[in-house]
Amino acid sequence: MMTELPLDQVRTLLAVVDEGTFDAAASALRVTPSAVSQRIKALEQRTGRVLLTRTKPVRPTESGEILVRFARRLARLERDTHAELGMPGSGEPTRLSIAVNADSLATWFLAALSRVPDEPQLAFELRREDENHTAALLREGSVMAAVTSSPEPVAGCSVRSLGRMRYLPVANPGCAERWLGTTAGTPLRERIASAPVVAFDRADDIQDDFVRAVAGGSGAGALRHYVPTSEGFVDAITAGLGWGMVPEVQAEPLLRTGRLALLAPGSWVDVPLFWQQWKLDFPALGAVARAVAAVAAERLRPGPGA
């Protein structure tokens, strides 16, 4: 006989994951922390699985992720049902959680959201994450859709190609000559591996990919500066902290005005981007997907096979 999943326990699990702690979930649900703990223990006993890692913030286990996705779908269906019945509170904006990488957020993604129709009224909750890791937020059930570099759909999600974001190797012109110029007779491929480099964060390996492509070896140099905003990253390179891979849409105006220099004409790194979303009959999510695909077709380079 199939074991039922008590909805109050499932909703409590979702609240703990969203709020990050048992105490915060208790406050959001207007119950005691003890009640939250008892519901989670009861749900774990009912399913026979550990559903949460008791860290700060709390994280769902692989089994917990399955139930979190179920809880979000349940909440979505409840809101849609309320709206169809005209019940009180149904006029509130529909909240859509989306994971998107910083470079897309800085260059084209907001233009896509601006094209989404005004009805129904939507409230966007954007989660900034590296494109190599946004799929993890889908698996956790933390977001309903994501811009990702993975063409493999997360369980319960559909996937479509958006195109390729091209990154160019650039540096401040004076620094480019000092660190990477060929006046000393040493080619770029032998000097770039030891030049100062700017990276977005410790998960950003696109600079290493470029160095391996042009010079072989293990990657970019040991002198690294980490600047974890898209605009700040470009500013750091323009200011002369080091070289880095900049999206061409951000690099081209600075190249034209001479504020940046291209290190290796004809060389670049293309990052394919994909849109993944939950498989839901949810018109608002479909409207966002269409707007994202349309703007991506205008702003990104065509994907493989296009």
Protein backbone atom coordinates (compact mmCIF):
# COMPACT_ATOMS: atom_id res chain seq x y z
CA MET A 1 0.00 0.00 0.00
CA MET A 2 1.33 3.43 -0.94
CA THR A 3 2.35 5.57 2.03
CA GLU A 4 0.63 8.96 2.01
CA LEU A 5 2.67 12.12 2.31
CA PRO A 6 1.03 14.46 4.85
CA LEU A 7 0.86 17.84 3.19
CA ASP A 8 1.65 19.81 6.34
CA GLN A 9 4.90 17.86 6.67
CA VAL A 10 5.80 18.40 3.01
CA ARG A 11 5.11 22.14 3.32
CA THR A 12 7.25 22.26 6.43
CA LEU A 13 10.14 20.61 4.62
CA LEU A 14 9.91 23.26 1.91
CA ALA A 15 9.82 26.05 4.49
CA VAL A 16 12.96 24.73 6.20
CA VAL A 17 14.84 24.56 2.89
CA ASP A 18 13.71 28.03 1.82
CA GLU A 19 14.33 29.71 5.18
CA GLY A 20 17.59 27.90 5.87
CA THR A 21 16.98 26.99 9.54
CA PHE A 22 14.33 25.27 11.64
CA ASP A 23 13.81 28.43 13.71
CA ALA A 24 13.28 30.62 10.63
CA ALA A 25 10.87 28.07 9.16
CA ALA A 26 8.94 28.03 12.44
CA SER A 27 8.62 31.82 12.29
CA ALA A 28 7.43 31.71 8.67
CA LEU A 29 4.89 28.98 9.43
CA ARG A 30 3.83 30.56 12.75
CA VAL A 31 4.48 27.39 14.70
CA THR A 32 7.09 26.44 17.29
CA PRO A 33 10.58 25.17 16.31
CA SER A 34 9.65 21.96 18.15
CA ALA A 35 6.65 21.48 15.83
CA VAL A 36 8.87 21.96 12.79
CA SER A 37 11.38 19.42 14.10
CA GLN A 38 8.63 16.89 14.85
CA ARG A 39 7.10 17.25 11.38
CA ILE A 40 10.46 16.73 9.67
CA LYS A 41 11.25 13.68 11.82
CA ALA A 42 7.80 12.26 11.09
CA LEU A 43 8.28 12.77 7.35
CA GLU A 44 11.70 11.12 7.47
CA GLN A 45 10.24 8.17 9.37
CA ARG A 46 7.36 7.90 6.90
CA THR A 47 9.68 7.91 3.87
CA GLY A 48 12.44 5.91 5.53
CA ARG A 49 15.05 8.42 4.34
CA VAL A 50 17.11 11.28 5.72
CA LEU A 51 15.73 14.37 3.97
CA LEU A 52 17.88 17.20 5.34
CA THR A 53 21.50 17.79 6.22
CA ARG A 54 21.50 19.67 9.52
CA THR A 55 23.94 22.36 8.41
CA LYS A 56 23.62 26.15 8.28
CA PRO A 57 21.90 26.76 6.02
CA VAL A 58 19.99 23.47 5.96
CA ARG A 59 20.35 21.56 2.68
CA PRO A 60 18.11 18.83 1.25
CA THR A 61 19.59 15.41 0.63
CA GLU A 62 19.02 13.71 -2.72
CA SER A 63 15.78 12.23 -1.36
CA GLY A 64 14.87 15.60 0.14
CA GLU A 65 15.31 17.28 -3.24
CA ILE A 66 12.62 15.00 -4.69
CA LEU A 67 10.15 16.04 -2.01
CA VAL A 68 11.08 19.73 -2.30
CA ARG A 69 10.30 19.61 -6.02
CA PHE A 70 6.97 17.95 -5.20
CA ALA A 71 6.24 20.65 -2.59
CA ARG A 72 6.91 23.46 -5.07
CA ARG A 73 4.66 21.87 -7.67
CA LEU A 74 1.98 21.45 -5.04
CA ALA A 75 2.24 25.12 -4.04
CA ARG A 76 2.02 26.12 -7.70
CA LEU A 77 -1.12 24.02 -8.24
CA GLU A 78 -2.72 25.47 -5.10
CA ARG A 79 -2.11 29.05 -6.28
CA ASP A 80 -3.49 28.26 -9.74
CA THR A 81 -6.57 26.62 -8.22
CA HIS A 82 -7.17 29.63 -5.96
CA ALA A 83 -6.91 31.93 -8.96
CA GLU A 84 -9.35 29.85 -11.04
CA LEU A 85 -11.86 29.82 -8.18
CA GLY A 86 -11.42 33.52 -7.50
CA MET A 87 -10.58 32.82 -3.88
CA PRO A 88 -9.16 35.55 -1.62
CA GLY A 89 -5.46 36.16 -2.11
CA SER A 90 -5.49 34.90 -5.70
CA GLY A 91 -4.70 38.41 -6.95
CA GLU A 92 -1.19 38.29 -5.49
CA PRO A 93 1.70 38.27 -8.02
CA THR A 94 2.96 34.89 -9.12
CA ARG A 95 6.54 34.39 -7.95
CA LEU A 96 8.99 32.73 -10.34
CA SER A 97 12.41 31.64 -9.08
CA ILE A 98 15.10 31.49 -11.80
CA ALA A 99 18.84 30.72 -11.63
CA VAL A 100 21.02 32.70 -14.03
CA ASN A 101 24.75 33.25 -14.41
CA ALA A 102 26.22 36.69 -13.70
CA ASP A 103 27.33 37.43 -17.28
CA SER A 104 23.90 36.69 -18.72
CA LEU A 105 22.33 38.79 -15.98
CA ALA A 106 24.63 41.70 -16.85
CA THR A 107 24.26 41.52 -20.63
CA TRP A 108 20.95 40.15 -21.94
CA PHE A 109 18.74 38.33 -19.44
CA LEU A 110 16.98 41.36 -17.93
CA ALA A 111 15.98 42.47 -21.43
CA ALA A 112 14.23 39.12 -21.78
CA LEU A 113 12.29 39.57 -18.55
CA SER A 114 11.18 43.02 -19.69
CA ARG A 115 9.44 41.38 -22.67
CA VAL A 116 7.30 39.05 -20.57
CA PRO A 117 3.63 40.13 -20.80
CA ASP A 118 2.25 42.11 -17.86
CA GLU A 119 -0.59 39.63 -17.32
CA PRO A 120 -0.50 37.57 -15.24
CA GLN A 121 1.47 39.72 -12.83
CA LEU A 122 4.82 38.08 -12.10
CA ALA A 123 7.41 38.66 -9.37
CA PHE A 124 10.87 37.35 -10.31
CA GLU A 125 13.27 35.93 -7.77
CA LEU A 126 16.65 35.60 -9.49
CA ARG A 127 19.42 33.41 -8.06
CA ARG A 128 22.85 34.33 -9.41
CA GLU A 129 25.01 31.26 -9.92
CA ASP A 130 27.74 30.10 -12.30
CA GLU A 131 26.24 28.53 -15.43
CA ASN A 132 28.02 25.26 -14.58
CA HIS A 133 26.16 25.07 -11.26
CA THR A 134 22.67 26.44 -11.93
CA ALA A 135 21.39 22.93 -12.72
CA ALA A 136 22.10 22.00 -9.09
CA LEU A 137 19.51 24.56 -7.96
CA LEU A 138 16.96 22.89 -10.26
CA ARG A 139 17.77 19.48 -8.76
CA GLU A 140 17.34 20.90 -5.26
CA GLY A 141 13.98 22.36 -6.24
CA SER A 142 15.23 25.84 -5.27
CA VAL A 143 14.31 27.31 -8.67
CA MET A 144 11.76 26.58 -11.37
CA ALA A 145 14.02 27.41 -14.32
CA ALA A 146 17.68 28.11 -15.04
CA VAL A 147 20.15 29.34 -17.62
CA THR A 148 22.73 26.56 -17.58
CA SER A 149 25.66 25.19 -19.55
CA SER A 150 24.34 21.64 -19.24
CA PRO A 151 22.44 20.16 -22.20
CA GLU A 152 21.39 17.17 -20.07
CA PRO A 153 17.94 17.82 -18.57
CA VAL A 154 17.54 17.58 -14.82
CA ALA A 155 14.94 14.98 -13.86
CA GLY A 156 11.48 16.45 -14.39
CA CYS A 157 12.79 19.31 -16.55
CA SER A 158 12.82 20.18 -20.24
CA VAL A 159 15.82 21.76 -21.96
CA ARG A 160 16.33 23.97 -25.03
CA SER A 161 19.42 25.54 -26.56
CA LEU A 162 19.76 29.32 -26.23
CA GLY A 163 23.02 29.89 -28.10
CA ARG A 164 26.67 30.54 -27.29
CA MET A 165 28.20 33.34 -25.23
CA ARG A 166 31.61 34.27 -26.65
CA TYR A 167 34.43 35.36 -24.35
CA LEU A 168 37.47 37.30 -25.58
CA PRO A 169 40.95 37.38 -23.94
CA VAL A 170 41.63 41.03 -23.09
CA ALA A 171 43.76 43.26 -20.87
CA ASN A 172 44.55 46.91 -20.23
CA PRO A 173 46.74 47.93 -23.24
CA GLY A 174 49.75 48.98 -21.14
CA CYS A 175 49.57 45.86 -19.02
CA ALA A 176 49.08 43.70 -22.09
CA GLU A 177 52.35 44.96 -23.52
CA ARG A 178 54.22 44.66 -20.22
CA TRP A 179 53.03 41.17 -19.34
CA LEU A 180 52.10 39.62 -22.65
CA GLY A 181 53.72 41.64 -25.42
CA THR A 182 56.18 40.09 -27.82
CA THR A 183 58.78 42.89 -27.76
CA ALA A 184 61.12 40.59 -25.84
CA GLY A 185 60.71 37.93 -28.50
CA THR A 186 58.70 35.58 -26.31
CA PRO A 187 55.39 34.43 -27.85
CA LEU A 188 52.09 34.85 -26.05
CA ARG A 189 51.65 31.15 -25.42
CA GLU A 190 54.82 31.12 -23.29
CA ARG A 191 54.07 34.30 -21.32
CA ILE A 192 50.34 34.14 -20.62
CA ALA A 193 50.66 31.26 -18.17
CA SER A 194 52.67 33.45 -15.77
CA ALA A 195 50.80 36.77 -16.22
CA PRO A 196 48.45 38.12 -13.51
CA VAL A 197 44.87 37.03 -14.19
CA VAL A 198 41.43 38.14 -13.01
CA ALA A 199 38.79 35.49 -12.28
CA PHE A 200 35.17 35.87 -11.21
CA ASP A 201 35.51 33.47 -8.28
CA ARG A 202 37.22 30.18 -7.43
CA ALA A 203 34.76 28.24 -9.60
CA ASP A 204 35.60 30.35 -12.68
CA ASP A 205 37.89 28.27 -14.89
CA ILE A 206 37.34 29.91 -18.30
CA GLN A 207 40.73 31.65 -18.11
CA ASP A 208 42.38 28.28 -17.48
CA ASP A 209 40.49 26.78 -20.43
CA PHE A 210 41.85 29.52 -22.69
CA VAL A 211 45.45 29.10 -21.50
CA ARG A 212 45.26 25.35 -22.00
CA ALA A 213 43.90 25.91 -25.51
CA VAL A 214 46.65 28.33 -26.62
CA ALA A 215 49.60 27.18 -24.52
CA GLY A 216 48.85 23.75 -23.10
CA GLY A 217 49.91 23.08 -19.54
CA SER A 218 47.82 23.33 -16.40
CA GLY A 219 46.17 26.71 -16.85
CA ALA A 220 46.51 30.38 -15.96
CA GLY A 221 49.11 31.76 -13.55
CA ALA A 222 49.18 31.60 -9.77
CA LEU A 223 48.72 35.38 -9.31
CA ARG A 224 44.93 35.61 -9.40
CA HIS A 225 42.51 38.32 -8.39
CA TYR A 226 38.90 37.31 -7.64
CA VAL A 227 36.20 39.88 -8.44
CA PRO A 228 32.72 38.31 -8.06
CA THR A 229 30.55 40.75 -10.03
CA SER A 230 30.31 40.93 -13.81
CA GLU A 231 30.76 44.71 -13.96
CA GLY A 232 33.51 44.71 -11.32
CA PHE A 233 35.33 41.94 -13.16
CA VAL A 234 35.51 44.05 -16.33
CA ASP A 235 36.50 47.13 -14.34
CA ALA A 236 39.34 45.22 -12.67
CA ILE A 237 40.76 44.18 -16.04
CA THR A 238 40.36 47.70 -17.44
CA ALA A 239 42.17 49.08 -14.37
CA GLY A 240 45.13 46.79 -15.04
CA LEU A 241 44.90 44.14 -12.31
CA GLY A 242 45.32 41.36 -14.83
CA TRP A 243 43.99 39.84 -18.01
CA GLY A 244 40.75 37.90 -18.30
CA MET A 245 38.04 36.48 -20.53
CA VAL A 246 35.27 39.05 -21.04
CA PRO A 247 31.95 38.53 -22.88
CA GLU A 248 32.34 40.10 -26.31
CA VAL A 249 29.26 42.30 -25.84
CA GLN A 250 31.04 43.92 -22.87
CA ALA A 251 34.51 43.86 -24.43
CA GLU A 252 33.76 45.35 -27.87
CA PRO A 253 32.97 48.96 -26.76
CA LEU A 254 36.15 49.00 -24.65
CA LEU A 255 38.20 47.57 -27.50
CA ARG A 256 36.89 50.25 -29.87
CA THR A 257 37.85 53.05 -27.49
CA GLY A 258 41.26 51.56 -26.73
CA ARG A 259 40.59 50.92 -23.04
CA LEU A 260 41.15 47.21 -23.61
CA ALA A 261 43.45 45.31 -25.96
CA LEU A 262 42.74 41.94 -27.54
CA LEU A 263 45.49 39.50 -26.59
CA ALA A 264 45.02 36.88 -29.27
CA PRO A 265 43.04 37.98 -32.33
CA GLY A 266 41.06 35.06 -33.72
CA SER A 267 41.05 33.21 -30.39
CA TRP A 268 38.14 32.99 -27.98
CA VAL A 269 36.12 30.63 -25.79
CA ASP A 270 32.46 29.93 -26.55
CA VAL A 271 30.19 28.80 -23.71
CA PRO A 272 26.93 27.13 -24.83
CA LEU A 273 23.89 28.14 -22.81
CA PHE A 274 20.64 26.24 -22.32
CA TRP A 275 17.27 26.97 -20.74
CA GLN A 276 15.98 24.31 -18.39
CA GLN A 277 12.59 24.49 -16.67
CA TRP A 278 10.20 22.28 -14.80
CA LYS A 279 7.78 20.29 -16.94
CA LEU A 280 4.64 22.10 -15.81
CA ASP A 281 1.50 23.18 -17.59
CA PHE A 282 2.13 26.68 -16.31
CA PRO A 283 1.42 29.51 -18.79
CA ALA A 284 3.50 32.11 -16.92
CA LEU A 285 6.61 29.93 -17.06
CA GLY A 286 6.00 29.32 -20.76
CA ALA A 287 5.77 33.06 -21.39
CA VAL A 288 9.12 33.62 -19.67
CA ALA A 289 10.70 30.79 -21.67
CA ARG A 290 9.53 32.32 -24.96
CA ALA A 291 10.87 35.76 -24.02
CA VAL A 292 14.21 34.31 -22.94
CA ALA A 293 14.57 32.32 -26.17
CA ALA A 294 13.70 35.35 -28.31
CA VAL A 295 16.24 37.68 -26.69
CA ALA A 296 18.91 34.98 -26.60
CA ALA A 297 18.46 34.54 -30.37
CA GLU A 298 19.16 38.26 -30.79
CA ARG A 299 22.04 38.66 -28.33
CA LEU A 300 23.89 35.32 -28.36
CA ARG A 301 25.73 33.54 -31.13
CA PRO A 302 23.87 30.56 -32.63
CA GLY A 303 24.26 27.28 -30.81
CA PRO A 304 25.77 24.11 -32.33
CA GLY A 305 23.98 22.98 -35.44
CA ALA A 306 22.02 26.23 -35.75
